[in-house]
Amino acid sequence: MERDIYLSIADMLRDCKEVKSQAKKGHCRTWTAKAISYISANFPEAQIEAREVHISSGLDHTFLRVVVPQERSYIFDGTGVEKFGPYFGYEDNAPPHLRSSHPDMINYVGRGRR
């Protein structure tokens, strides 16, 4: 069941022109804000949090952590960063560069709706 809802969210993000237009390196915060809006509108049961991770000096990266109640957490990184491509998958399987994240400021300013 959980995999089905996460795949539905992933498909919706990949098909949405507004979100897809931001799916390029350097647009992680914009992609994340747009993705939050679409997920919130279509999957109200999902708990959504923008996450940020430090990649290297002067470079931080933003992506989404989504949890459907009573399911494993899932990561949606629609842009990738540096040499790392996008990642859509379970948080416990996430690549090392996405693991030491903390809440992004998007969570506190406008809740990602832009």
C-alpha atoms as a PDB file:
ATOM      1  CA  MET A   1       0.000   0.000   0.000  1.00  0.00           C
ATOM      2  CA  GLU A   2       2.661   2.554   1.028  1.00  0.00           C
ATOM      3  CA  ARG A   3       4.625   2.055  -2.175  1.00  0.00           C
ATOM      4  CA  ASP A   4       1.485   2.747  -4.210  1.00  0.00           C
ATOM      5  CA  ILE A   5       0.835   6.137  -2.612  1.00  0.00           C
ATOM      6  CA  TYR A   6       4.480   7.165  -2.915  1.00  0.00           C
ATOM      7  CA  LEU A   7       4.524   6.107  -6.567  1.00  0.00           C
ATOM      8  CA  SER A   8       1.343   8.132  -7.112  1.00  0.00           C
ATOM      9  CA  ILE A   9       3.011  11.184  -5.589  1.00  0.00           C
ATOM     10  CA  ALA A  10       6.155  10.645  -7.682  1.00  0.00           C
ATOM     11  CA  ASP A  11       4.117  10.273 -10.872  1.00  0.00           C
ATOM     12  CA  MET A  12       2.155  13.430 -10.094  1.00  0.00           C
ATOM     13  CA  LEU A  13       5.371  15.415  -9.514  1.00  0.00           C
ATOM     14  CA  ARG A  14       6.935  14.111 -12.723  1.00  0.00           C
ATOM     15  CA  ASP A  15       3.784  14.921 -14.735  1.00  0.00           C
ATOM     16  CA  CYS A  16       3.126  18.395 -13.319  1.00  0.00           C
ATOM     17  CA  LYS A  17       4.506  20.977 -15.771  1.00  0.00           C
ATOM     18  CA  GLU A  18       5.028  23.603 -13.083  1.00  0.00           C
ATOM     19  CA  VAL A  19       7.032  21.266 -10.855  1.00  0.00           C
ATOM     20  CA  LYS A  20       8.846  19.589 -13.759  1.00  0.00           C
ATOM     21  CA  SER A  21      10.021  22.970 -15.110  1.00  0.00           C
ATOM     22  CA  GLN A  22      12.082  23.428 -11.932  1.00  0.00           C
ATOM     23  CA  ALA A  23      13.601  19.932 -11.944  1.00  0.00           C
ATOM     24  CA  LYS A  24      17.152  21.023 -12.661  1.00  0.00           C
ATOM     25  CA  LYS A  25      20.239  21.489 -10.542  1.00  0.00           C
ATOM     26  CA  GLY A  26      20.305  24.861  -8.804  1.00  0.00           C
ATOM     27  CA  HIS A  27      16.510  25.025  -8.468  1.00  0.00           C
ATOM     28  CA  CYS A  28      16.115  22.711  -5.474  1.00  0.00           C
ATOM     29  CA  ARG A  29      14.327  25.175  -3.200  1.00  0.00           C
ATOM     30  CA  THR A  30      11.944  26.312  -5.948  1.00  0.00           C
ATOM     31  CA  TRP A  31      11.233  22.696  -6.948  1.00  0.00           C
ATOM     32  CA  THR A  32      10.620  21.786  -3.314  1.00  0.00           C
ATOM     33  CA  ALA A  33       8.226  24.708  -2.729  1.00  0.00           C
ATOM     34  CA  LYS A  34       6.180  23.831  -5.811  1.00  0.00           C
ATOM     35  CA  ALA A  35       6.174  20.140  -4.913  1.00  0.00           C
ATOM     36  CA  ILE A  36       4.893  20.929  -1.401  1.00  0.00           C
ATOM     37  CA  SER A  37       1.953  22.822  -2.865  1.00  0.00           C
ATOM     38  CA  TYR A  38       0.989  19.986  -5.206  1.00  0.00           C
ATOM     39  CA  ILE A  39       1.400  17.214  -2.668  1.00  0.00           C
ATOM     40  CA  SER A  40      -0.582  19.144  -0.040  1.00  0.00           C
ATOM     41  CA  ALA A  41      -3.448  19.722  -2.458  1.00  0.00           C
ATOM     42  CA  ASN A  42      -3.625  16.127  -3.700  1.00  0.00           C
ATOM     43  CA  PHE A  43      -2.527  14.034  -0.718  1.00  0.00           C
ATOM     44  CA  PRO A  44      -3.782  15.809   2.429  1.00  0.00           C
ATOM     45  CA  GLU A  45      -2.937  12.801   4.614  1.00  0.00           C
ATOM     46  CA  ALA A  46       0.782  13.147   3.804  1.00  0.00           C
ATOM     47  CA  GLN A  47       3.062  14.846   6.299  1.00  0.00           C
ATOM     48  CA  ILE A  48       5.480  16.957   4.260  1.00  0.00           C
ATOM     49  CA  GLU A  49       8.724  18.532   5.392  1.00  0.00           C
ATOM     50  CA  ALA A  50      11.337  20.400   3.384  1.00  0.00           C
ATOM     51  CA  ARG A  51      14.791  19.221   4.424  1.00  0.00           C
ATOM     52  CA  GLU A  52      18.190  20.815   3.881  1.00  0.00           C
ATOM     53  CA  VAL A  53      21.612  19.229   3.841  1.00  0.00           C
ATOM     54  CA  HIS A  54      25.087  20.749   3.660  1.00  0.00           C
ATOM     55  CA  ILE A  55      26.892  19.410   0.588  1.00  0.00           C
ATOM     56  CA  SER A  56      30.114  21.439   0.525  1.00  0.00           C
ATOM     57  CA  SER A  57      31.452  24.877   1.363  1.00  0.00           C
ATOM     58  CA  GLY A  58      28.840  27.384   0.218  1.00  0.00           C
ATOM     59  CA  LEU A  59      26.456  24.709  -1.054  1.00  0.00           C
ATOM     60  CA  ASP A  60      23.341  23.476   0.693  1.00  0.00           C
ATOM     61  CA  HIS A  61      20.610  21.393  -0.907  1.00  0.00           C
ATOM     62  CA  THR A  62      16.850  21.216  -0.286  1.00  0.00           C
ATOM     63  CA  PHE A  63      14.544  18.252  -0.860  1.00  0.00           C
ATOM     64  CA  LEU A  64      11.342  16.739   0.555  1.00  0.00           C
ATOM     65  CA  ARG A  65      10.679  14.181   3.252  1.00  0.00           C
ATOM     66  CA  VAL A  66       7.135  12.802   3.050  1.00  0.00           C
ATOM     67  CA  VAL A  67       5.421  10.445   5.461  1.00  0.00           C
ATOM     68  CA  VAL A  68       2.050   8.857   5.011  1.00  0.00           C
ATOM     69  CA  PRO A  69       0.743   7.943   8.489  1.00  0.00           C
ATOM     70  CA  GLN A  70       1.945   4.551   9.719  1.00  0.00           C
ATOM     71  CA  GLU A  71       4.295   4.102   6.747  1.00  0.00           C
ATOM     72  CA  ARG A  72       8.048   4.460   6.182  1.00  0.00           C
ATOM     73  CA  SER A  73       9.328   7.918   5.294  1.00  0.00           C
ATOM     74  CA  TYR A  74      10.087   8.692   1.670  1.00  0.00           C
ATOM     75  CA  ILE A  75      12.486  11.203   0.089  1.00  0.00           C
ATOM     76  CA  PHE A  76      11.656  13.222  -3.023  1.00  0.00           C
ATOM     77  CA  ASP A  77      14.712  15.004  -4.446  1.00  0.00           C
ATOM     78  CA  GLY A  78      13.592  16.169  -7.857  1.00  0.00           C
ATOM     79  CA  THR A  79      16.687  18.133  -8.839  1.00  0.00           C
ATOM     80  CA  GLY A  80      19.781  16.389  -7.582  1.00  0.00           C
ATOM     81  CA  VAL A  81      22.889  18.353  -6.651  1.00  0.00           C
ATOM     82  CA  GLU A  82      26.445  18.468  -7.978  1.00  0.00           C
ATOM     83  CA  LYS A  83      27.357  14.966  -9.168  1.00  0.00           C
ATOM     84  CA  PHE A  84      24.269  13.403  -7.566  1.00  0.00           C
ATOM     85  CA  GLY A  85      21.124  12.898  -9.603  1.00  0.00           C
ATOM     86  CA  PRO A  86      17.520  13.116  -8.388  1.00  0.00           C
ATOM     87  CA  TYR A  87      16.392  10.555  -5.822  1.00  0.00           C
ATOM     88  CA  PHE A  88      12.857   9.310  -5.165  1.00  0.00           C
ATOM     89  CA  GLY A  89      12.914   6.520  -2.593  1.00  0.00           C
ATOM     90  CA  TYR A  90      12.677   5.439   1.013  1.00  0.00           C
ATOM     91  CA  GLU A  91      14.583   7.565   3.504  1.00  0.00           C
ATOM     92  CA  ASP A  92      16.389   4.555   4.964  1.00  0.00           C
ATOM     93  CA  ASN A  93      17.743   3.755   1.466  1.00  0.00           C
ATOM     94  CA  ALA A  94      18.705   7.363   0.630  1.00  0.00           C
ATOM     95  CA  PRO A  95      22.182   8.088  -0.687  1.00  0.00           C
ATOM     96  CA  PRO A  96      24.679   9.310   1.935  1.00  0.00           C
ATOM     97  CA  HIS A  97      24.574  12.950   0.782  1.00  0.00           C
ATOM     98  CA  LEU A  98      20.885  13.193   1.808  1.00  0.00           C
ATOM     99  CA  ARG A  99      21.194  11.585   5.245  1.00  0.00           C
ATOM    100  CA  SER A 100      22.397  14.336   7.612  1.00  0.00           C
ATOM    101  CA  SER A 101      19.613  16.782   6.876  1.00  0.00           C
ATOM    102  CA  HIS A 102      17.735  19.263   9.029  1.00  0.00           C
ATOM    103  CA  PRO A 103      14.478  21.205   8.501  1.00  0.00           C
ATOM    104  CA  ASP A 104      14.700  23.810   5.731  1.00  0.00           C
ATOM    105  CA  MET A 105      13.490  27.386   6.256  1.00  0.00           C
ATOM    106  CA  ILE A 106      10.687  26.759   3.726  1.00  0.00           C
ATOM    107  CA  ASN A 107       8.867  24.993   6.551  1.00  0.00           C
ATOM    108  CA  TYR A 108       8.678  28.230   8.509  1.00  0.00           C
ATOM    109  CA  VAL A 109       8.229  30.830   5.768  1.00  0.00           C
ATOM    110  CA  GLY A 110       5.049  30.532   3.697  1.00  0.00           C
ATOM    111  CA  ARG A 111       4.939  26.737   4.138  1.00  0.00           C
ATOM    112  CA  GLY A 112       6.375  26.283   0.663  1.00  0.00           C
ATOM    113  CA  ARG A 113       3.423  27.727  -1.201  1.00  0.00           C
ATOM    114  CA  ARG A 114       4.831  30.040  -3.839  1.00  0.00           C
END
